[in-house]
Amino acid sequence: MSDMIDPDIIEPSIDPTTRKIGVRHVKATNAAGTRTKIQVRDFDPVYTDEPASLGGTNSAPSPLETVLIALVGCDGVIINGVASAMKFDYAGVDFACESQIDVRGPKGVPGIRPYFESGALEITVYTDESDARFAQLCKNVEYRCPVMNLLSAAKVDMAVTWTKKPSVNYAGNID
């Protein structure tokens, strides 16, 4: 291991001495309403909107729901990368995520933050690996996940629960 203090944190999978900037770019348009059309690379457009209860047309996930989408999607990518680096065998992962926000914040009430106060993330990994290796995977995913760390830096109180289940129990299908 390098000069890392925590022996459970695995080595970086990139040269740690060479800065490498990754640029992400999106374009969007909003026709003076709550629905926004967003273009990412050459994919079909994605949309955000608000529920009718918040003045939207309820035609797409809300921007805050897309943060949760980004969290579980990012965790999926990072779990795969960490598992690969550790040669950790797993059949799949299930996620359940929710968050709480005081809606007075985005409505401009002073002293109320306009973003998540707290949230809960349940991650179920289907694996037959040992408990020790599972704990190491969990620790490294939390260490590396950009979206999880953004929420942490924003002091969002995220309760993350990791569960290990036998590989044979995985029934996921991601068409």
N, C-alpha and C. Protein backbone atom coordinates (compact mmCIF):
# COMPACT_ATOMS: atom_id res chain seq x y z
N MET A 1 0.83 -1.19 0.00
CA MET A 1 0.00 0.00 0.00
C MET A 1 0.87 1.24 0.00
N SER A 2 0.31 2.31 -0.50
CA SER A 2 1.03 3.58 -0.49
C SER A 2 0.95 4.19 0.90
N ASP A 3 1.01 5.50 1.00
CA ASP A 3 1.00 6.20 2.28
C ASP A 3 -0.39 6.37 2.87
N MET A 4 -1.36 5.64 2.36
CA MET A 4 -2.72 5.74 2.90
C MET A 4 -2.74 5.26 4.34
N ILE A 5 -3.50 5.94 5.16
CA ILE A 5 -3.58 5.62 6.57
C ILE A 5 -4.49 4.42 6.82
N ASP A 6 -5.61 4.36 6.15
CA ASP A 6 -6.58 3.29 6.38
C ASP A 6 -6.24 2.08 5.52
N PRO A 7 -5.89 0.95 6.13
CA PRO A 7 -5.50 -0.22 5.33
C PRO A 7 -6.65 -0.85 4.56
N ASP A 8 -7.89 -0.50 4.88
CA ASP A 8 -9.03 -1.06 4.16
C ASP A 8 -9.32 -0.33 2.85
N ILE A 9 -8.73 0.85 2.67
CA ILE A 9 -8.92 1.60 1.43
C ILE A 9 -7.95 1.04 0.39
N ILE A 10 -8.51 0.59 -0.72
CA ILE A 10 -7.69 -0.02 -1.77
C ILE A 10 -6.94 1.04 -2.55
N GLU A 11 -5.92 0.60 -3.25
CA GLU A 11 -5.10 1.50 -4.07
C GLU A 11 -5.94 2.18 -5.15
N PRO A 12 -5.60 3.40 -5.53
CA PRO A 12 -6.31 4.05 -6.64
C PRO A 12 -6.14 3.26 -7.93
N SER A 13 -7.14 3.34 -8.80
CA SER A 13 -7.07 2.63 -10.08
C SER A 13 -6.61 3.56 -11.20
N ILE A 14 -5.89 4.60 -10.81
CA ILE A 14 -5.36 5.58 -11.76
C ILE A 14 -4.07 6.13 -11.15
N ASP A 15 -3.20 6.68 -11.98
CA ASP A 15 -1.97 7.28 -11.46
C ASP A 15 -2.35 8.45 -10.55
N PRO A 16 -2.07 8.36 -9.26
CA PRO A 16 -2.49 9.42 -8.33
C PRO A 16 -1.69 10.71 -8.46
N THR A 17 -0.59 10.70 -9.19
CA THR A 17 0.24 11.90 -9.30
C THR A 17 -0.08 12.74 -10.53
N THR A 18 -0.89 12.22 -11.44
CA THR A 18 -1.20 12.94 -12.67
C THR A 18 -2.65 13.40 -12.64
N ARG A 19 -2.85 14.72 -12.63
CA ARG A 19 -4.20 15.27 -12.61
C ARG A 19 -4.89 14.97 -13.92
N LYS A 20 -6.13 14.50 -13.84
CA LYS A 20 -6.90 14.18 -15.03
C LYS A 20 -8.30 14.72 -14.83
N ILE A 21 -8.64 15.77 -15.55
CA ILE A 21 -9.94 16.43 -15.40
C ILE A 21 -10.96 15.75 -16.30
N GLY A 22 -12.10 15.36 -15.73
CA GLY A 22 -13.21 14.83 -16.50
C GLY A 22 -14.26 15.91 -16.65
N VAL A 23 -14.64 16.22 -17.85
CA VAL A 23 -15.62 17.28 -18.11
C VAL A 23 -16.97 16.64 -18.43
N ARG A 24 -18.00 17.10 -17.77
CA ARG A 24 -19.36 16.67 -18.06
C ARG A 24 -20.11 17.89 -18.59
N HIS A 25 -20.91 17.68 -19.64
CA HIS A 25 -21.58 18.80 -20.29
C HIS A 25 -23.02 18.42 -20.61
N VAL A 26 -23.94 19.29 -20.25
CA VAL A 26 -25.34 19.11 -20.62
C VAL A 26 -25.87 20.43 -21.16
N LYS A 27 -26.90 20.33 -21.98
CA LYS A 27 -27.62 21.50 -22.47
C LYS A 27 -29.08 21.31 -22.08
N ALA A 28 -29.76 22.41 -21.84
CA ALA A 28 -31.16 22.29 -21.43
C ALA A 28 -31.95 23.51 -21.89
N THR A 29 -33.26 23.32 -21.95
CA THR A 29 -34.15 24.43 -22.27
C THR A 29 -35.41 24.30 -21.42
N ASN A 30 -35.92 25.44 -21.01
CA ASN A 30 -37.12 25.49 -20.19
C ASN A 30 -38.00 26.60 -20.73
N ALA A 31 -39.25 26.28 -21.10
CA ALA A 31 -40.16 27.23 -21.73
C ALA A 31 -41.03 27.92 -20.67
N ALA A 32 -40.39 28.57 -19.71
CA ALA A 32 -41.07 29.36 -18.68
C ALA A 32 -42.10 28.54 -17.90
N GLY A 33 -41.70 27.34 -17.49
CA GLY A 33 -42.57 26.48 -16.69
C GLY A 33 -41.72 25.62 -15.78
N THR A 34 -42.26 24.52 -15.32
CA THR A 34 -41.51 23.65 -14.43
C THR A 34 -40.82 22.51 -15.17
N ARG A 35 -41.21 22.26 -16.41
CA ARG A 35 -40.63 21.16 -17.19
C ARG A 35 -39.39 21.66 -17.94
N THR A 36 -38.30 20.89 -17.81
CA THR A 36 -37.06 21.22 -18.50
C THR A 36 -36.62 20.04 -19.34
N LYS A 37 -36.25 20.33 -20.58
CA LYS A 37 -35.72 19.32 -21.50
C LYS A 37 -34.20 19.40 -21.45
N ILE A 38 -33.57 18.24 -21.22
CA ILE A 38 -32.13 18.20 -21.01
C ILE A 38 -31.50 17.25 -22.01
N GLN A 39 -30.44 17.70 -22.64
CA GLN A 39 -29.70 16.89 -23.62
C GLN A 39 -28.34 16.55 -23.05
N VAL A 40 -28.03 15.25 -23.02
CA VAL A 40 -26.74 14.76 -22.55
C VAL A 40 -26.11 13.97 -23.69
N ARG A 41 -24.94 14.40 -24.12
CA ARG A 41 -24.23 13.77 -25.23
C ARG A 41 -25.20 13.50 -26.38
N ASP A 42 -25.21 12.26 -26.91
CA ASP A 42 -26.08 11.97 -28.05
C ASP A 42 -27.27 11.09 -27.66
N PHE A 43 -27.62 11.11 -26.38
CA PHE A 43 -28.76 10.32 -25.91
C PHE A 43 -30.07 11.04 -26.18
N ASP A 44 -31.17 10.28 -26.14
CA ASP A 44 -32.49 10.91 -26.20
C ASP A 44 -32.59 11.90 -25.05
N PRO A 45 -33.34 12.98 -25.24
CA PRO A 45 -33.47 13.96 -24.16
C PRO A 45 -34.08 13.34 -22.90
N VAL A 46 -33.70 13.89 -21.77
CA VAL A 46 -34.32 13.56 -20.50
C VAL A 46 -35.02 14.81 -20.00
N TYR A 47 -35.97 14.63 -19.12
CA TYR A 47 -36.78 15.75 -18.65
C TYR A 47 -36.84 15.77 -17.14
N THR A 48 -37.03 16.96 -16.59
CA THR A 48 -37.39 17.11 -15.20
C THR A 48 -38.65 17.95 -15.12
N ASP A 49 -39.37 17.78 -14.05
CA ASP A 49 -40.60 18.53 -13.82
C ASP A 49 -40.84 18.50 -12.31
N GLU A 50 -41.93 19.04 -11.88
CA GLU A 50 -42.33 18.99 -10.49
C GLU A 50 -43.68 18.30 -10.39
N PRO A 51 -43.96 17.70 -9.24
CA PRO A 51 -45.30 17.14 -9.04
C PRO A 51 -46.35 18.25 -9.10
N ALA A 52 -47.56 17.88 -9.43
CA ALA A 52 -48.66 18.86 -9.48
C ALA A 52 -48.81 19.58 -8.15
N SER A 53 -48.56 18.87 -7.05
CA SER A 53 -48.70 19.48 -5.72
C SER A 53 -47.72 20.62 -5.49
N LEU A 54 -46.66 20.68 -6.30
CA LEU A 54 -45.69 21.77 -6.20
C LEU A 54 -45.75 22.70 -7.41
N GLY A 55 -46.86 22.65 -8.14
CA GLY A 55 -47.05 23.57 -9.26
C GLY A 55 -46.56 23.07 -10.60
N GLY A 56 -46.14 21.82 -10.66
CA GLY A 56 -45.64 21.27 -11.91
C GLY A 56 -46.71 20.54 -12.69
N THR A 57 -46.27 19.89 -13.77
CA THR A 57 -47.20 19.12 -14.60
C THR A 57 -47.07 17.62 -14.34
N ASN A 58 -46.17 17.24 -13.43
CA ASN A 58 -45.96 15.84 -13.04
C ASN A 58 -45.65 14.95 -14.25
N SER A 59 -44.87 15.47 -15.19
CA SER A 59 -44.57 14.71 -16.41
C SER A 59 -43.20 14.04 -16.39
N ALA A 60 -42.41 14.28 -15.34
CA ALA A 60 -41.07 13.71 -15.26
C ALA A 60 -40.60 13.80 -13.80
N PRO A 61 -39.50 13.12 -13.48
CA PRO A 61 -38.96 13.24 -12.12
C PRO A 61 -38.58 14.69 -11.81
N SER A 62 -38.67 15.04 -10.55
CA SER A 62 -38.25 16.38 -10.13
C SER A 62 -36.72 16.46 -10.15
N PRO A 63 -36.18 17.66 -10.22
CA PRO A 63 -34.71 17.78 -10.16
C PRO A 63 -34.13 17.12 -8.90
N LEU A 64 -34.80 17.23 -7.76
CA LEU A 64 -34.27 16.59 -6.55
C LEU A 64 -34.37 15.07 -6.65
N GLU A 65 -35.40 14.56 -7.30
CA GLU A 65 -35.46 13.11 -7.53
C GLU A 65 -34.31 12.67 -8.43
N THR A 66 -33.92 13.51 -9.38
CA THR A 66 -32.80 13.14 -10.24
C THR A 66 -31.48 13.11 -9.47
N VAL A 67 -31.39 13.86 -8.37
CA VAL A 67 -30.21 13.74 -7.51
C VAL A 67 -30.15 12.34 -6.90
N LEU A 68 -31.31 11.84 -6.48
CA LEU A 68 -31.35 10.47 -5.94
C LEU A 68 -31.05 9.45 -7.03
N ILE A 69 -31.54 9.70 -8.24
CA ILE A 69 -31.21 8.84 -9.38
C ILE A 69 -29.70 8.84 -9.59
N ALA A 70 -29.11 10.03 -9.54
CA ALA A 70 -27.66 10.14 -9.72
C ALA A 70 -26.92 9.39 -8.61
N LEU A 71 -27.43 9.46 -7.39
CA LEU A 71 -26.78 8.77 -6.27
C LEU A 71 -26.76 7.26 -6.48
N VAL A 72 -27.90 6.67 -6.76
CA VAL A 72 -27.92 5.21 -6.91
C VAL A 72 -27.20 4.78 -8.19
N GLY A 73 -27.30 5.58 -9.24
CA GLY A 73 -26.56 5.25 -10.47
C GLY A 73 -25.06 5.33 -10.25
N CYS A 74 -24.63 6.35 -9.54
CA CYS A 74 -23.20 6.51 -9.26
C CYS A 74 -22.70 5.38 -8.36
N ASP A 75 -23.48 5.05 -7.34
CA ASP A 75 -23.09 3.93 -6.48
C ASP A 75 -22.98 2.64 -7.29
N GLY A 76 -23.87 2.43 -8.25
CA GLY A 76 -23.79 1.25 -9.10
C GLY A 76 -22.48 1.19 -9.86
N VAL A 77 -22.08 2.33 -10.42
CA VAL A 77 -20.82 2.40 -11.17
C VAL A 77 -19.63 2.17 -10.24
N ILE A 78 -19.65 2.83 -9.10
CA ILE A 78 -18.51 2.74 -8.17
C ILE A 78 -18.43 1.33 -7.56
N ILE A 79 -19.57 0.74 -7.23
CA ILE A 79 -19.54 -0.65 -6.73
C ILE A 79 -18.88 -1.55 -7.76
N ASN A 80 -19.24 -1.39 -9.03
CA ASN A 80 -18.65 -2.21 -10.07
C ASN A 80 -17.15 -1.99 -10.17
N GLY A 81 -16.72 -0.73 -10.12
CA GLY A 81 -15.28 -0.44 -10.22
C GLY A 81 -14.49 -0.95 -9.03
N VAL A 82 -15.03 -0.77 -7.83
CA VAL A 82 -14.35 -1.25 -6.64
C VAL A 82 -14.32 -2.78 -6.64
N ALA A 83 -15.45 -3.40 -6.98
CA ALA A 83 -15.50 -4.86 -7.02
C ALA A 83 -14.47 -5.41 -8.01
N SER A 84 -14.36 -4.75 -9.15
CA SER A 84 -13.38 -5.18 -10.14
C SER A 84 -11.96 -5.07 -9.59
N ALA A 85 -11.66 -3.95 -8.95
CA ALA A 85 -10.32 -3.74 -8.40
C ALA A 85 -10.01 -4.74 -7.29
N MET A 86 -11.03 -5.12 -6.52
CA MET A 86 -10.84 -6.06 -5.42
C MET A 86 -10.97 -7.52 -5.86
N LYS A 87 -11.37 -7.72 -7.12
CA LYS A 87 -11.73 -9.07 -7.58
C LYS A 87 -12.81 -9.65 -6.67
N PHE A 88 -13.79 -8.80 -6.40
CA PHE A 88 -14.93 -9.12 -5.53
C PHE A 88 -16.06 -9.60 -6.41
N ASP A 89 -16.57 -10.79 -6.15
CA ASP A 89 -17.60 -11.39 -6.98
C ASP A 89 -18.98 -11.05 -6.42
N TYR A 90 -19.86 -10.55 -7.28
CA TYR A 90 -21.24 -10.26 -6.87
C TYR A 90 -22.16 -10.44 -8.07
N ALA A 91 -23.43 -10.76 -7.78
CA ALA A 91 -24.40 -11.02 -8.85
C ALA A 91 -25.18 -9.78 -9.23
N GLY A 92 -25.32 -8.83 -8.32
CA GLY A 92 -26.08 -7.62 -8.59
C GLY A 92 -26.30 -6.82 -7.33
N VAL A 93 -26.98 -5.69 -7.49
CA VAL A 93 -27.23 -4.78 -6.38
C VAL A 93 -28.64 -4.22 -6.52
N ASP A 94 -29.33 -4.08 -5.40
CA ASP A 94 -30.61 -3.38 -5.36
C ASP A 94 -30.45 -2.15 -4.48
N PHE A 95 -31.12 -1.07 -4.87
CA PHE A 95 -31.07 0.19 -4.12
C PHE A 95 -32.47 0.64 -3.78
N ALA A 96 -32.61 1.29 -2.65
CA ALA A 96 -33.83 2.01 -2.28
C ALA A 96 -33.35 3.31 -1.63
N CYS A 97 -33.90 4.43 -2.07
CA CYS A 97 -33.40 5.71 -1.59
C CYS A 97 -34.56 6.69 -1.42
N GLU A 98 -34.48 7.49 -0.38
CA GLU A 98 -35.45 8.55 -0.18
C GLU A 98 -34.73 9.72 0.50
N SER A 99 -35.36 10.87 0.45
CA SER A 99 -34.78 12.04 1.10
C SER A 99 -35.89 12.92 1.65
N GLN A 100 -35.50 13.81 2.54
CA GLN A 100 -36.43 14.76 3.12
C GLN A 100 -35.90 16.16 2.90
N ILE A 101 -36.82 17.05 2.56
CA ILE A 101 -36.49 18.46 2.37
C ILE A 101 -37.62 19.28 2.96
N ASP A 102 -37.28 20.35 3.62
CA ASP A 102 -38.28 21.30 4.09
C ASP A 102 -38.57 22.22 2.91
N VAL A 103 -39.73 22.06 2.30
CA VAL A 103 -40.04 22.78 1.06
C VAL A 103 -40.14 24.28 1.25
N ARG A 104 -40.08 24.74 2.48
CA ARG A 104 -40.03 26.19 2.70
C ARG A 104 -38.72 26.77 2.19
N GLY A 105 -37.62 25.97 2.23
CA GLY A 105 -36.31 26.46 1.77
C GLY A 105 -36.33 26.91 0.33
N PRO A 106 -36.75 26.05 -0.62
CA PRO A 106 -36.79 26.49 -2.02
C PRO A 106 -37.83 27.59 -2.27
N LYS A 107 -38.72 27.82 -1.33
CA LYS A 107 -39.72 28.90 -1.47
C LYS A 107 -39.22 30.20 -0.87
N GLY A 108 -37.97 30.20 -0.39
CA GLY A 108 -37.34 31.44 0.04
C GLY A 108 -37.45 31.79 1.51
N VAL A 109 -37.87 30.87 2.36
CA VAL A 109 -37.97 31.19 3.78
C VAL A 109 -36.56 31.29 4.36
N PRO A 110 -36.20 32.44 4.93
CA PRO A 110 -34.85 32.62 5.48
C PRO A 110 -34.55 31.58 6.57
N GLY A 111 -33.31 31.11 6.57
CA GLY A 111 -32.86 30.16 7.58
C GLY A 111 -33.21 28.71 7.30
N ILE A 112 -33.95 28.44 6.23
CA ILE A 112 -34.29 27.07 5.85
C ILE A 112 -33.48 26.73 4.60
N ARG A 113 -32.68 25.70 4.69
CA ARG A 113 -31.83 25.40 3.53
C ARG A 113 -32.68 24.85 2.38
N PRO A 114 -32.33 25.23 1.16
CA PRO A 114 -33.15 24.85 -0.01
C PRO A 114 -32.76 23.51 -0.63
N TYR A 115 -32.23 22.62 0.14
CA TYR A 115 -31.85 21.30 -0.37
C TYR A 115 -32.10 20.27 0.73
N PHE A 116 -31.78 19.02 0.44
CA PHE A 116 -32.07 17.94 1.36
C PHE A 116 -31.54 18.19 2.77
N GLU A 117 -32.37 17.84 3.74
CA GLU A 117 -31.91 17.83 5.13
C GLU A 117 -31.34 16.47 5.47
N SER A 118 -32.04 15.43 5.01
CA SER A 118 -31.62 14.07 5.35
C SER A 118 -32.09 13.11 4.27
N GLY A 119 -31.61 11.90 4.39
CA GLY A 119 -32.01 10.87 3.45
C GLY A 119 -31.64 9.51 3.96
N ALA A 120 -32.13 8.51 3.29
CA ALA A 120 -31.82 7.13 3.62
C ALA A 120 -31.54 6.38 2.33
N LEU A 121 -30.48 5.63 2.35
CA LEU A 121 -30.07 4.83 1.19
C LEU A 121 -29.85 3.40 1.66
N GLU A 122 -30.59 2.48 1.07
CA GLU A 122 -30.41 1.06 1.36
C GLU A 122 -29.77 0.41 0.15
N ILE A 123 -28.65 -0.26 0.38
CA ILE A 123 -27.92 -0.93 -0.69
C ILE A 123 -27.84 -2.41 -0.34
N THR A 124 -28.40 -3.25 -1.19
CA THR A 124 -28.33 -4.69 -0.99
C THR A 124 -27.44 -5.28 -2.07
N VAL A 125 -26.36 -5.89 -1.64
CA VAL A 125 -25.40 -6.50 -2.56
C VAL A 125 -25.57 -8.02 -2.46
N TYR A 126 -25.75 -8.63 -3.62
CA TYR A 126 -25.92 -10.07 -3.69
C TYR A 126 -24.56 -10.70 -3.97
N THR A 127 -23.99 -11.28 -2.93
CA THR A 127 -22.64 -11.82 -3.02
C THR A 127 -22.46 -12.96 -2.03
N ASP A 128 -21.50 -13.81 -2.34
CA ASP A 128 -21.12 -14.90 -1.45
C ASP A 128 -19.74 -14.63 -0.83
N GLU A 129 -19.25 -13.42 -1.00
CA GLU A 129 -17.97 -13.04 -0.42
C GLU A 129 -18.06 -12.99 1.11
N SER A 130 -16.92 -13.00 1.77
CA SER A 130 -16.88 -12.96 3.24
C SER A 130 -17.38 -11.61 3.77
N ASP A 131 -17.77 -11.60 5.03
CA ASP A 131 -18.21 -10.35 5.66
C ASP A 131 -17.10 -9.30 5.66
N ALA A 132 -15.86 -9.73 5.86
CA ALA A 132 -14.74 -8.79 5.89
C ALA A 132 -14.54 -8.14 4.52
N ARG A 133 -14.61 -8.91 3.47
CA ARG A 133 -14.45 -8.34 2.12
C ARG A 133 -15.64 -7.46 1.77
N PHE A 134 -16.82 -7.85 2.21
CA PHE A 134 -18.01 -7.03 1.98
C PHE A 134 -17.85 -5.68 2.69
N ALA A 135 -17.39 -5.69 3.91
CA ALA A 135 -17.17 -4.44 4.66
C ALA A 135 -16.14 -3.57 3.94
N GLN A 136 -15.11 -4.18 3.38
CA GLN A 136 -14.10 -3.42 2.64
C GLN A 136 -14.70 -2.82 1.37
N LEU A 137 -15.52 -3.57 0.67
CA LEU A 137 -16.20 -3.03 -0.51
C LEU A 137 -17.02 -1.80 -0.12
N CYS A 138 -17.84 -1.93 0.91
CA CYS A 138 -18.71 -0.84 1.35
C CYS A 138 -17.90 0.41 1.66
N LYS A 139 -16.84 0.24 2.43
CA LYS A 139 -16.00 1.37 2.84
C LYS A 139 -15.39 2.07 1.64
N ASN A 140 -14.93 1.29 0.67
CA ASN A 140 -14.30 1.88 -0.51
C ASN A 140 -15.31 2.57 -1.42
N VAL A 141 -16.51 2.03 -1.52
CA VAL A 141 -17.54 2.68 -2.33
C VAL A 141 -17.90 4.03 -1.71
N GLU A 142 -18.10 4.07 -0.41
CA GLU A 142 -18.43 5.34 0.24
C GLU A 142 -17.29 6.34 0.11
N TYR A 143 -16.06 5.86 0.13
CA TYR A 143 -14.88 6.71 -0.02
C TYR A 143 -14.80 7.31 -1.43
N ARG A 144 -15.20 6.54 -2.45
CA ARG A 144 -15.00 6.95 -3.84
C ARG A 144 -16.21 7.56 -4.53
N CYS A 145 -17.42 7.34 -4.06
CA CYS A 145 -18.61 7.76 -4.81
C CYS A 145 -18.74 9.29 -4.85
N PRO A 146 -18.63 9.91 -6.04
CA PRO A 146 -18.72 11.37 -6.14
C PRO A 146 -20.05 11.93 -5.63
N VAL A 147 -21.16 11.31 -5.97
CA VAL A 147 -22.45 11.87 -5.57
C VAL A 147 -22.66 11.72 -4.07
N MET A 148 -22.30 10.57 -3.52
CA MET A 148 -22.42 10.39 -2.08
C MET A 148 -21.57 11.42 -1.34
N ASN A 149 -20.38 11.69 -1.87
CA ASN A 149 -19.50 12.67 -1.24
C ASN A 149 -19.99 14.11 -1.42
N LEU A 150 -20.67 14.40 -2.53
CA LEU A 150 -21.29 15.73 -2.68
C LEU A 150 -22.35 15.94 -1.60
N LEU A 151 -23.18 14.93 -1.38
CA LEU A 151 -24.22 15.04 -0.35
C LEU A 151 -23.60 15.16 1.04
N SER A 152 -22.55 14.43 1.27
CA SER A 152 -21.85 14.50 2.55
C SER A 152 -21.25 15.89 2.76
N ALA A 153 -20.62 16.44 1.72
CA ALA A 153 -20.03 17.78 1.82
C ALA A 153 -21.09 18.85 2.07
N ALA A 154 -22.31 18.60 1.59
CA ALA A 154 -23.42 19.53 1.81
C ALA A 154 -24.08 19.29 3.18
N LYS A 155 -23.50 18.38 3.94
CA LYS A 155 -24.00 18.06 5.28
C LYS A 155 -25.44 17.52 5.27
N VAL A 156 -25.75 16.76 4.22
CA VAL A 156 -27.02 16.04 4.18
C VAL A 156 -26.84 14.81 5.06
N ASP A 157 -27.70 14.66 6.03
CA ASP A 157 -27.63 13.53 6.96
C ASP A 157 -28.15 12.28 6.26
N MET A 158 -27.25 11.55 5.60
CA MET A 158 -27.62 10.35 4.85
C MET A 158 -27.35 9.11 5.69
N ALA A 159 -28.38 8.35 5.96
CA ALA A 159 -28.24 7.07 6.63
C ALA A 159 -28.08 6.01 5.54
N VAL A 160 -26.91 5.42 5.47
CA VAL A 160 -26.63 4.42 4.44
C VAL A 160 -26.58 3.05 5.12
N THR A 161 -27.42 2.16 4.64
CA THR A 161 -27.49 0.79 5.17
C THR A 161 -27.07 -0.19 4.08
N TRP A 162 -26.05 -0.95 4.36
CA TRP A 162 -25.56 -1.97 3.45
C TRP A 162 -26.02 -3.34 3.95
N THR A 163 -26.55 -4.15 3.05
CA THR A 163 -26.97 -5.51 3.38
C THR A 163 -26.36 -6.46 2.37
N LYS A 164 -25.94 -7.61 2.87
CA LYS A 164 -25.37 -8.64 2.01
C LYS A 164 -26.35 -9.81 1.98
N LYS A 165 -26.67 -10.24 0.75
CA LYS A 165 -27.54 -11.42 0.57
C LYS A 165 -26.85 -12.39 -0.38
N PRO A 166 -27.18 -13.67 -0.28
CA PRO A 166 -26.56 -14.66 -1.17
C PRO A 166 -26.81 -14.34 -2.65
N SER A 167 -25.81 -14.60 -3.47
CA SER A 167 -25.90 -14.32 -4.90
C SER A 167 -27.12 -14.97 -5.55
N VAL A 168 -27.46 -16.16 -5.12
CA VAL A 168 -28.58 -16.90 -5.71
C VAL A 168 -29.90 -16.16 -5.56
N ASN A 169 -29.99 -15.24 -4.61
CA ASN A 169 -31.23 -14.50 -4.36
C ASN A 169 -31.43 -13.32 -5.30
N TYR A 170 -30.43 -12.97 -6.11
CA TYR A 170 -30.56 -11.81 -6.99
C TYR A 170 -31.51 -12.12 -8.13
N ALA A 171 -32.53 -11.29 -8.28
CA ALA A 171 -33.54 -11.49 -9.31
C ALA A 171 -33.65 -10.30 -10.25
N GLY A 172 -32.68 -9.40 -10.19
CA GLY A 172 -32.75 -8.16 -10.96
C GLY A 172 -32.72 -8.38 -12.46
N ASN A 173 -33.37 -7.48 -13.16
CA ASN A 173 -33.40 -7.47 -14.61
C ASN A 173 -33.38 -6.01 -15.03
N ILE A 174 -32.35 -5.56 -15.69
CA ILE A 174 -32.24 -4.14 -16.02
C ILE A 174 -32.31 -3.92 -17.53
N ASP A 175 -33.43 -4.15 -18.08
CA ASP A 175 -33.63 -3.92 -19.52
C ASP A 175 -33.63 -2.44 -19.84
